[in-house]
Amino acid sequence: MQAIQVRKELTDEWDNRGVKKGMEYAILTDEITKAWSGMRTRQYKNFKGLKKENLRDNMSTLELVLNMLAEATTTELSKAKAPEDFEKNRQVAKEGGAIAGDARKAIEASSGRPVITSKNAVDFTQVLSEVVNALPDVEETDQEEAGVKK
């Protein structure tokens, strides 16, 4: 839900700055994505094996958080800098994305692992199912805690 709110605040800001829906939104989104992830939106979708699926719905938690950081930062920079034309909005989008890109690089340097993953919603659903199936039966756990012996 928060990711949707962050995106809405960004698009509202773009509306206030005269950015046209459709192609201009797509270009600015692509600039943000490239700046934080190192890939254009289409490259990112291809990396995850997506065709028409929504990229956000197929991001890991960390990918989604960094995308939100990039969009929220772009919104704040736009409010502060008040870009007056498309090219200035484009520069703000690159700058906002780059700040999240710096965070991604710092995480990768500290963890020694890439943040961007080829895993998608199918993989995440499978992991969630495995976690749920590994949990003890709630009824058994409740009985054990109540001191009921089998």
N, C-alpha and C. Protein backbone atom coordinates (compact mmCIF):
# COMPACT_ATOMS: atom_id res chain seq x y z
N MET A 1 0.82 -1.20 0.00
CA MET A 1 0.00 0.00 0.00
C MET A 1 0.88 1.27 0.00
N GLN A 2 1.94 1.23 0.79
CA GLN A 2 2.82 2.41 0.87
C GLN A 2 3.48 2.69 -0.47
N ALA A 3 3.84 1.63 -1.21
CA ALA A 3 4.46 1.83 -2.52
C ALA A 3 3.49 2.54 -3.47
N ILE A 4 2.23 2.21 -3.37
CA ILE A 4 1.21 2.86 -4.20
C ILE A 4 1.11 4.34 -3.84
N GLN A 5 1.13 4.63 -2.54
CA GLN A 5 1.06 6.02 -2.08
C GLN A 5 2.26 6.83 -2.55
N VAL A 6 3.46 6.25 -2.46
CA VAL A 6 4.67 6.93 -2.90
C VAL A 6 4.58 7.25 -4.40
N ARG A 7 4.12 6.27 -5.18
CA ARG A 7 3.98 6.49 -6.63
C ARG A 7 2.95 7.57 -6.92
N LYS A 8 1.83 7.56 -6.18
CA LYS A 8 0.80 8.59 -6.40
C LYS A 8 1.33 9.98 -6.09
N GLU A 9 2.09 10.11 -5.02
CA GLU A 9 2.67 11.41 -4.68
C GLU A 9 3.62 11.88 -5.78
N LEU A 10 4.37 10.95 -6.36
CA LEU A 10 5.27 11.31 -7.46
C LEU A 10 4.48 11.75 -8.69
N THR A 11 3.48 11.00 -9.06
CA THR A 11 2.72 11.37 -10.26
C THR A 11 1.93 12.65 -10.05
N ASP A 12 1.47 12.88 -8.82
CA ASP A 12 0.81 14.17 -8.52
C ASP A 12 1.81 15.31 -8.70
N GLU A 13 3.03 15.12 -8.24
CA GLU A 13 4.07 16.14 -8.39
C GLU A 13 4.37 16.37 -9.87
N TRP A 14 4.47 15.28 -10.63
CA TRP A 14 4.70 15.42 -12.07
C TRP A 14 3.55 16.18 -12.74
N ASP A 15 2.33 15.89 -12.33
CA ASP A 15 1.18 16.63 -12.86
C ASP A 15 1.32 18.12 -12.58
N ASN A 16 1.73 18.44 -11.35
CA ASN A 16 1.91 19.84 -10.96
C ASN A 16 3.01 20.53 -11.77
N ARG A 17 3.96 19.75 -12.27
CA ARG A 17 5.08 20.29 -13.04
C ARG A 17 4.84 20.23 -14.54
N GLY A 18 3.64 19.82 -14.95
CA GLY A 18 3.30 19.82 -16.37
C GLY A 18 3.78 18.61 -17.15
N VAL A 19 4.21 17.56 -16.45
CA VAL A 19 4.62 16.34 -17.14
C VAL A 19 3.36 15.68 -17.71
N LYS A 20 3.47 15.23 -18.95
CA LYS A 20 2.33 14.61 -19.62
C LYS A 20 2.28 13.13 -19.32
N LYS A 21 1.06 12.65 -19.01
CA LYS A 21 0.87 11.23 -18.75
C LYS A 21 1.23 10.44 -19.99
N GLY A 22 1.52 9.18 -19.80
CA GLY A 22 1.86 8.33 -20.94
C GLY A 22 3.36 8.30 -21.16
N MET A 23 3.77 8.75 -22.32
CA MET A 23 5.18 8.63 -22.71
C MET A 23 6.13 9.37 -21.78
N GLU A 24 5.79 10.59 -21.36
CA GLU A 24 6.70 11.33 -20.47
C GLU A 24 6.81 10.64 -19.11
N TYR A 25 5.69 10.14 -18.57
CA TYR A 25 5.74 9.37 -17.32
C TYR A 25 6.66 8.17 -17.49
N ALA A 26 6.52 7.47 -18.61
CA ALA A 26 7.32 6.26 -18.87
C ALA A 26 8.81 6.60 -18.96
N ILE A 27 9.13 7.69 -19.62
CA ILE A 27 10.53 8.10 -19.75
C ILE A 27 11.12 8.45 -18.39
N LEU A 28 10.38 9.21 -17.59
CA LEU A 28 10.89 9.60 -16.27
C LEU A 28 11.02 8.38 -15.35
N THR A 29 10.04 7.48 -15.40
CA THR A 29 10.11 6.26 -14.61
C THR A 29 11.33 5.44 -15.02
N ASP A 30 11.58 5.37 -16.31
CA ASP A 30 12.73 4.64 -16.83
C ASP A 30 14.04 5.25 -16.33
N GLU A 31 14.10 6.57 -16.28
CA GLU A 31 15.30 7.26 -15.78
C GLU A 31 15.53 6.94 -14.31
N ILE A 32 14.47 6.93 -13.52
CA ILE A 32 14.58 6.61 -12.09
C ILE A 32 15.07 5.18 -11.93
N THR A 33 14.45 4.26 -12.66
CA THR A 33 14.80 2.84 -12.56
C THR A 33 16.25 2.62 -12.95
N LYS A 34 16.68 3.22 -14.04
CA LYS A 34 18.07 3.08 -14.52
C LYS A 34 19.05 3.60 -13.48
N ALA A 35 18.70 4.74 -12.88
CA ALA A 35 19.61 5.37 -11.92
C ALA A 35 19.77 4.55 -10.64
N TRP A 36 18.72 3.90 -10.18
CA TRP A 36 18.87 3.16 -8.92
C TRP A 36 19.25 1.71 -9.14
N SER A 37 18.78 1.09 -10.22
CA SER A 37 19.01 -0.34 -10.40
C SER A 37 20.16 -0.65 -11.36
N GLY A 38 20.51 0.32 -12.20
CA GLY A 38 21.53 0.08 -13.22
C GLY A 38 20.96 -0.50 -14.50
N MET A 39 19.63 -0.67 -14.55
CA MET A 39 18.98 -1.22 -15.73
C MET A 39 17.78 -0.37 -16.13
N ARG A 40 17.55 -0.31 -17.42
CA ARG A 40 16.32 0.30 -17.91
C ARG A 40 15.16 -0.61 -17.49
N THR A 41 13.96 -0.08 -17.47
CA THR A 41 12.80 -0.85 -17.03
C THR A 41 12.63 -2.13 -17.85
N ARG A 42 12.77 -2.06 -19.16
CA ARG A 42 12.61 -3.24 -20.01
C ARG A 42 13.70 -4.26 -19.71
N GLN A 43 14.94 -3.83 -19.50
CA GLN A 43 16.03 -4.74 -19.15
C GLN A 43 15.73 -5.44 -17.82
N TYR A 44 15.22 -4.69 -16.86
CA TYR A 44 14.90 -5.21 -15.54
C TYR A 44 13.81 -6.28 -15.65
N LYS A 45 12.77 -5.98 -16.42
CA LYS A 45 11.69 -6.95 -16.62
C LYS A 45 12.22 -8.21 -17.31
N ASN A 46 13.07 -8.03 -18.30
CA ASN A 46 13.66 -9.19 -18.99
C ASN A 46 14.51 -10.01 -18.03
N PHE A 47 15.27 -9.34 -17.17
CA PHE A 47 16.11 -10.02 -16.18
C PHE A 47 15.27 -10.90 -15.26
N LYS A 48 14.06 -10.44 -14.95
CA LYS A 48 13.16 -11.20 -14.08
C LYS A 48 12.29 -12.19 -14.86
N GLY A 49 12.45 -12.21 -16.19
CA GLY A 49 11.66 -13.12 -17.00
C GLY A 49 10.20 -12.73 -17.14
N LEU A 50 9.94 -11.43 -17.10
CA LEU A 50 8.57 -10.93 -17.17
C LEU A 50 8.21 -10.52 -18.60
N LYS A 51 6.97 -10.71 -18.94
CA LYS A 51 6.47 -10.26 -20.25
C LYS A 51 5.62 -9.00 -20.02
N LYS A 52 4.38 -9.20 -19.60
CA LYS A 52 3.48 -8.08 -19.39
C LYS A 52 3.19 -7.84 -17.91
N GLU A 53 3.76 -8.68 -17.05
CA GLU A 53 3.51 -8.55 -15.62
C GLU A 53 4.07 -7.23 -15.09
N ASN A 54 3.52 -6.80 -13.98
CA ASN A 54 3.95 -5.57 -13.32
C ASN A 54 5.29 -5.81 -12.63
N LEU A 55 6.26 -4.96 -12.90
CA LEU A 55 7.59 -5.11 -12.31
C LEU A 55 7.55 -5.01 -10.80
N ARG A 56 6.84 -4.03 -10.25
CA ARG A 56 6.77 -3.86 -8.79
C ARG A 56 6.25 -5.10 -8.09
N ASP A 57 5.26 -5.75 -8.70
CA ASP A 57 4.68 -6.95 -8.11
C ASP A 57 5.66 -8.11 -8.09
N ASN A 58 6.77 -7.96 -8.76
CA ASN A 58 7.76 -9.03 -8.87
C ASN A 58 9.10 -8.65 -8.26
N MET A 59 9.10 -7.61 -7.42
CA MET A 59 10.32 -7.18 -6.75
C MET A 59 10.41 -7.81 -5.37
N SER A 60 11.66 -8.05 -4.93
CA SER A 60 11.88 -8.47 -3.55
C SER A 60 11.59 -7.27 -2.65
N THR A 61 11.54 -7.52 -1.36
CA THR A 61 11.29 -6.43 -0.41
C THR A 61 12.32 -5.33 -0.56
N LEU A 62 13.59 -5.70 -0.64
CA LEU A 62 14.65 -4.70 -0.75
C LEU A 62 14.58 -3.94 -2.07
N GLU A 63 14.28 -4.63 -3.15
CA GLU A 63 14.12 -3.95 -4.44
C GLU A 63 12.98 -2.94 -4.35
N LEU A 64 11.88 -3.35 -3.77
CA LEU A 64 10.72 -2.46 -3.65
C LEU A 64 11.03 -1.26 -2.78
N VAL A 65 11.72 -1.49 -1.68
CA VAL A 65 12.08 -0.38 -0.78
C VAL A 65 12.99 0.62 -1.50
N LEU A 66 13.96 0.13 -2.25
CA LEU A 66 14.85 1.03 -2.99
C LEU A 66 14.10 1.77 -4.09
N ASN A 67 13.18 1.11 -4.74
CA ASN A 67 12.36 1.78 -5.75
C ASN A 67 11.53 2.88 -5.10
N MET A 68 10.96 2.58 -3.94
CA MET A 68 10.19 3.59 -3.21
C MET A 68 11.08 4.75 -2.79
N LEU A 69 12.30 4.44 -2.32
CA LEU A 69 13.24 5.50 -1.95
C LEU A 69 13.54 6.39 -3.15
N ALA A 70 13.76 5.77 -4.30
CA ALA A 70 14.05 6.54 -5.52
C ALA A 70 12.87 7.45 -5.88
N GLU A 71 11.67 6.92 -5.82
CA GLU A 71 10.49 7.72 -6.18
C GLU A 71 10.20 8.81 -5.14
N ALA A 72 10.31 8.46 -3.86
CA ALA A 72 10.05 9.46 -2.81
C ALA A 72 11.10 10.57 -2.85
N THR A 73 12.35 10.20 -3.09
CA THR A 73 13.42 11.19 -3.20
C THR A 73 13.19 12.09 -4.40
N THR A 74 12.79 11.51 -5.52
CA THR A 74 12.50 12.30 -6.72
C THR A 74 11.38 13.30 -6.43
N THR A 75 10.36 12.86 -5.71
CA THR A 75 9.25 13.75 -5.36
C THR A 75 9.76 14.92 -4.52
N GLU A 76 10.57 14.63 -3.50
CA GLU A 76 11.09 15.69 -2.63
C GLU A 76 11.99 16.66 -3.39
N LEU A 77 12.84 16.11 -4.25
CA LEU A 77 13.73 16.98 -5.04
C LEU A 77 12.92 17.86 -5.99
N SER A 78 11.87 17.29 -6.56
CA SER A 78 11.04 18.06 -7.47
C SER A 78 10.35 19.22 -6.74
N LYS A 79 9.88 18.93 -5.54
CA LYS A 79 9.24 20.00 -4.75
C LYS A 79 10.26 21.09 -4.41
N ALA A 80 11.47 20.69 -4.10
CA ALA A 80 12.52 21.65 -3.71
C ALA A 80 13.05 22.44 -4.91
N LYS A 81 13.19 21.78 -6.05
CA LYS A 81 13.83 22.41 -7.22
C LYS A 81 12.84 23.01 -8.21
N ALA A 82 11.58 22.60 -8.11
CA ALA A 82 10.51 23.11 -8.99
C ALA A 82 10.91 23.13 -10.47
N PRO A 83 11.23 21.96 -11.05
CA PRO A 83 11.61 21.94 -12.46
C PRO A 83 10.48 22.46 -13.35
N GLU A 84 10.88 23.25 -14.35
CA GLU A 84 9.87 23.95 -15.16
C GLU A 84 9.60 23.32 -16.51
N ASP A 85 10.42 22.36 -16.92
CA ASP A 85 10.17 21.71 -18.20
C ASP A 85 10.54 20.23 -18.11
N PHE A 86 10.26 19.51 -19.17
CA PHE A 86 10.47 18.07 -19.16
C PHE A 86 11.94 17.70 -18.90
N GLU A 87 12.86 18.38 -19.55
CA GLU A 87 14.28 18.05 -19.38
C GLU A 87 14.75 18.28 -17.94
N LYS A 88 14.24 19.32 -17.30
CA LYS A 88 14.60 19.55 -15.90
C LYS A 88 13.99 18.47 -15.00
N ASN A 89 12.76 18.04 -15.32
CA ASN A 89 12.15 16.92 -14.60
C ASN A 89 12.96 15.65 -14.79
N ARG A 90 13.50 15.48 -15.97
CA ARG A 90 14.31 14.30 -16.27
C ARG A 90 15.58 14.30 -15.42
N GLN A 91 16.21 15.46 -15.26
CA GLN A 91 17.41 15.55 -14.43
C GLN A 91 17.08 15.26 -12.96
N VAL A 92 15.95 15.75 -12.49
CA VAL A 92 15.52 15.48 -11.12
C VAL A 92 15.27 13.99 -10.93
N ALA A 93 14.64 13.35 -11.92
CA ALA A 93 14.38 11.91 -11.85
C ALA A 93 15.69 11.12 -11.76
N LYS A 94 16.67 11.51 -12.56
CA LYS A 94 17.97 10.84 -12.52
C LYS A 94 18.63 11.03 -11.15
N GLU A 95 18.54 12.23 -10.62
CA GLU A 95 19.15 12.53 -9.33
C GLU A 95 18.48 11.74 -8.20
N GLY A 96 17.16 11.71 -8.20
CA GLY A 96 16.43 10.95 -7.17
C GLY A 96 16.76 9.46 -7.25
N GLY A 97 16.80 8.94 -8.45
CA GLY A 97 17.16 7.53 -8.63
C GLY A 97 18.58 7.24 -8.21
N ALA A 98 19.48 8.17 -8.49
CA ALA A 98 20.90 7.97 -8.16
C ALA A 98 21.12 7.88 -6.65
N ILE A 99 20.35 8.62 -5.89
CA ILE A 99 20.48 8.56 -4.43
C ILE A 99 20.13 7.15 -3.94
N ALA A 100 19.05 6.59 -4.47
CA ALA A 100 18.69 5.21 -4.12
C ALA A 100 19.72 4.23 -4.69
N GLY A 101 20.29 4.56 -5.84
CA GLY A 101 21.35 3.73 -6.41
C GLY A 101 22.57 3.68 -5.52
N ASP A 102 22.90 4.81 -4.91
CA ASP A 102 24.02 4.84 -3.96
C ASP A 102 23.72 3.94 -2.75
N ALA A 103 22.47 3.96 -2.29
CA ALA A 103 22.08 3.09 -1.17
C ALA A 103 22.20 1.62 -1.58
N ARG A 104 21.77 1.29 -2.80
CA ARG A 104 21.88 -0.10 -3.30
C ARG A 104 23.35 -0.53 -3.31
N LYS A 105 24.21 0.32 -3.84
CA LYS A 105 25.63 -0.02 -3.92
C LYS A 105 26.24 -0.20 -2.53
N ALA A 106 25.83 0.61 -1.57
CA ALA A 106 26.34 0.48 -0.21
C ALA A 106 25.88 -0.84 0.42
N ILE A 107 24.65 -1.20 0.19
CA ILE A 107 24.12 -2.48 0.70
C ILE A 107 24.90 -3.64 0.09
N GLU A 108 25.11 -3.57 -1.21
CA GLU A 108 25.84 -4.64 -1.90
C GLU A 108 27.29 -4.73 -1.41
N ALA A 109 27.91 -3.59 -1.19
CA ALA A 109 29.30 -3.59 -0.71
C ALA A 109 29.39 -4.19 0.70
N SER A 110 28.42 -3.87 1.54
CA SER A 110 28.44 -4.40 2.91
C SER A 110 28.05 -5.86 2.99
N SER A 111 27.09 -6.27 2.18
CA SER A 111 26.59 -7.65 2.25
C SER A 111 27.36 -8.61 1.36
N GLY A 112 28.02 -8.06 0.34
CA GLY A 112 28.72 -8.91 -0.61
C GLY A 112 27.77 -9.64 -1.54
N ARG A 113 26.52 -9.21 -1.57
CA ARG A 113 25.50 -9.87 -2.40
C ARG A 113 24.75 -8.83 -3.23
N PRO A 114 24.33 -9.19 -4.43
CA PRO A 114 23.56 -8.25 -5.23
C PRO A 114 22.16 -8.04 -4.65
N VAL A 115 21.68 -6.83 -4.75
CA VAL A 115 20.33 -6.50 -4.31
C VAL A 115 19.32 -6.91 -5.38
N ILE A 116 19.66 -6.67 -6.62
CA ILE A 116 18.77 -6.98 -7.73
C ILE A 116 18.78 -8.49 -7.96
N THR A 117 17.62 -9.08 -7.95
CA THR A 117 17.50 -10.52 -8.09
C THR A 117 16.60 -10.87 -9.27
N SER A 118 16.88 -12.00 -9.88
CA SER A 118 16.04 -12.46 -10.99
C SER A 118 14.76 -13.11 -10.47
N LYS A 119 14.67 -13.30 -9.15
CA LYS A 119 13.46 -13.89 -8.58
C LYS A 119 12.28 -12.99 -8.86
N ASN A 120 11.12 -13.64 -9.05
CA ASN A 120 9.89 -12.89 -9.31
C ASN A 120 8.78 -13.42 -8.41
N ALA A 121 7.56 -12.97 -8.65
CA ALA A 121 6.44 -13.32 -7.78
C ALA A 121 6.25 -14.83 -7.65
N VAL A 122 6.48 -15.58 -8.70
CA VAL A 122 6.35 -17.04 -8.64
C VAL A 122 7.34 -17.59 -7.62
N ASP A 123 8.58 -17.12 -7.66
CA ASP A 123 9.60 -17.57 -6.71
C ASP A 123 9.24 -17.16 -5.28
N PHE A 124 8.78 -15.92 -5.12
CA PHE A 124 8.44 -15.42 -3.79
C PHE A 124 7.26 -16.19 -3.21
N THR A 125 6.28 -16.55 -4.04
CA THR A 125 5.13 -17.32 -3.59
C THR A 125 5.57 -18.70 -3.13
N GLN A 126 6.48 -19.30 -3.86
CA GLN A 126 6.99 -20.62 -3.50
C GLN A 126 7.71 -20.57 -2.16
N VAL A 127 8.54 -19.57 -1.95
CA VAL A 127 9.25 -19.42 -0.68
C VAL A 127 8.26 -19.24 0.45
N LEU A 128 7.24 -18.41 0.25
CA LEU A 128 6.23 -18.17 1.28
C LEU A 128 5.49 -19.46 1.62
N SER A 129 5.14 -20.23 0.61
CA SER A 129 4.47 -21.52 0.84
C SER A 129 5.35 -22.46 1.66
N GLU A 130 6.64 -22.50 1.35
CA GLU A 130 7.56 -23.35 2.09
C GLU A 130 7.66 -22.92 3.55
N VAL A 131 7.66 -21.62 3.79
CA VAL A 131 7.73 -21.11 5.17
C VAL A 131 6.46 -21.49 5.92
N VAL A 132 5.32 -21.29 5.29
CA VAL A 132 4.04 -21.60 5.94
C VAL A 132 3.95 -23.10 6.23
N ASN A 133 4.36 -23.91 5.28
CA ASN A 133 4.31 -25.36 5.48
C ASN A 133 5.28 -25.84 6.56
N ALA A 134 6.35 -25.09 6.78
CA ALA A 134 7.33 -25.47 7.80
C ALA A 134 6.90 -25.07 9.21
N LEU A 135 5.90 -24.21 9.31
CA LEU A 135 5.42 -23.79 10.62
C LEU A 135 4.72 -24.95 11.31
N PRO A 136 4.86 -25.05 12.63
CA PRO A 136 4.16 -26.13 13.34
C PRO A 136 2.65 -25.89 13.27
N ASP A 137 1.93 -26.97 13.37
CA ASP A 137 0.47 -26.88 13.37
C ASP A 137 0.05 -25.99 14.55
N VAL A 138 -0.75 -24.99 14.30
CA VAL A 138 -1.13 -24.02 15.33
C VAL A 138 -1.85 -24.72 16.47
N GLU A 139 -2.72 -25.65 16.15
CA GLU A 139 -3.46 -26.35 17.19
C GLU A 139 -2.51 -27.14 18.09
N GLU A 140 -1.53 -27.82 17.50
CA GLU A 140 -0.54 -28.56 18.28
C GLU A 140 0.24 -27.62 19.19
N THR A 141 0.66 -26.51 18.66
CA THR A 141 1.43 -25.54 19.44
C THR A 141 0.59 -25.01 20.59
N ASP A 142 -0.68 -24.69 20.33
CA ASP A 142 -1.56 -24.19 21.38
C ASP A 142 -1.74 -25.22 22.50
N GLN A 143 -1.88 -26.50 22.11
CA GLN A 143 -2.05 -27.55 23.11
C GLN A 143 -0.79 -27.72 23.94
N GLU A 144 0.36 -27.69 23.28
CA GLU A 144 1.62 -27.82 24.00
C GLU A 144 1.79 -26.69 24.99
N GLU A 145 1.46 -25.47 24.57
CA GLU A 145 1.60 -24.32 25.45
C GLU A 145 0.63 -24.42 26.63
N ALA A 146 -0.53 -25.06 26.41
CA ALA A 146 -1.53 -25.21 27.46
C ALA A 146 -1.19 -26.39 28.39
N GLY A 147 -0.13 -27.12 28.03
CA GLY A 147 0.29 -28.23 28.86
C GLY A 147 -0.46 -29.53 28.59
N VAL A 148 -1.18 -29.60 27.48
CA VAL A 148 -1.89 -30.81 27.10
C VAL A 148 -0.91 -31.78 26.49
N LYS A 149 -0.91 -33.02 27.01
CA LYS A 149 0.00 -34.05 26.47
C LYS A 149 -0.78 -34.98 25.59
N LYS A 150 -0.07 -35.47 24.59
CA LYS A 150 -0.69 -36.40 23.64
C LYS A 150 -0.58 -37.79 24.15
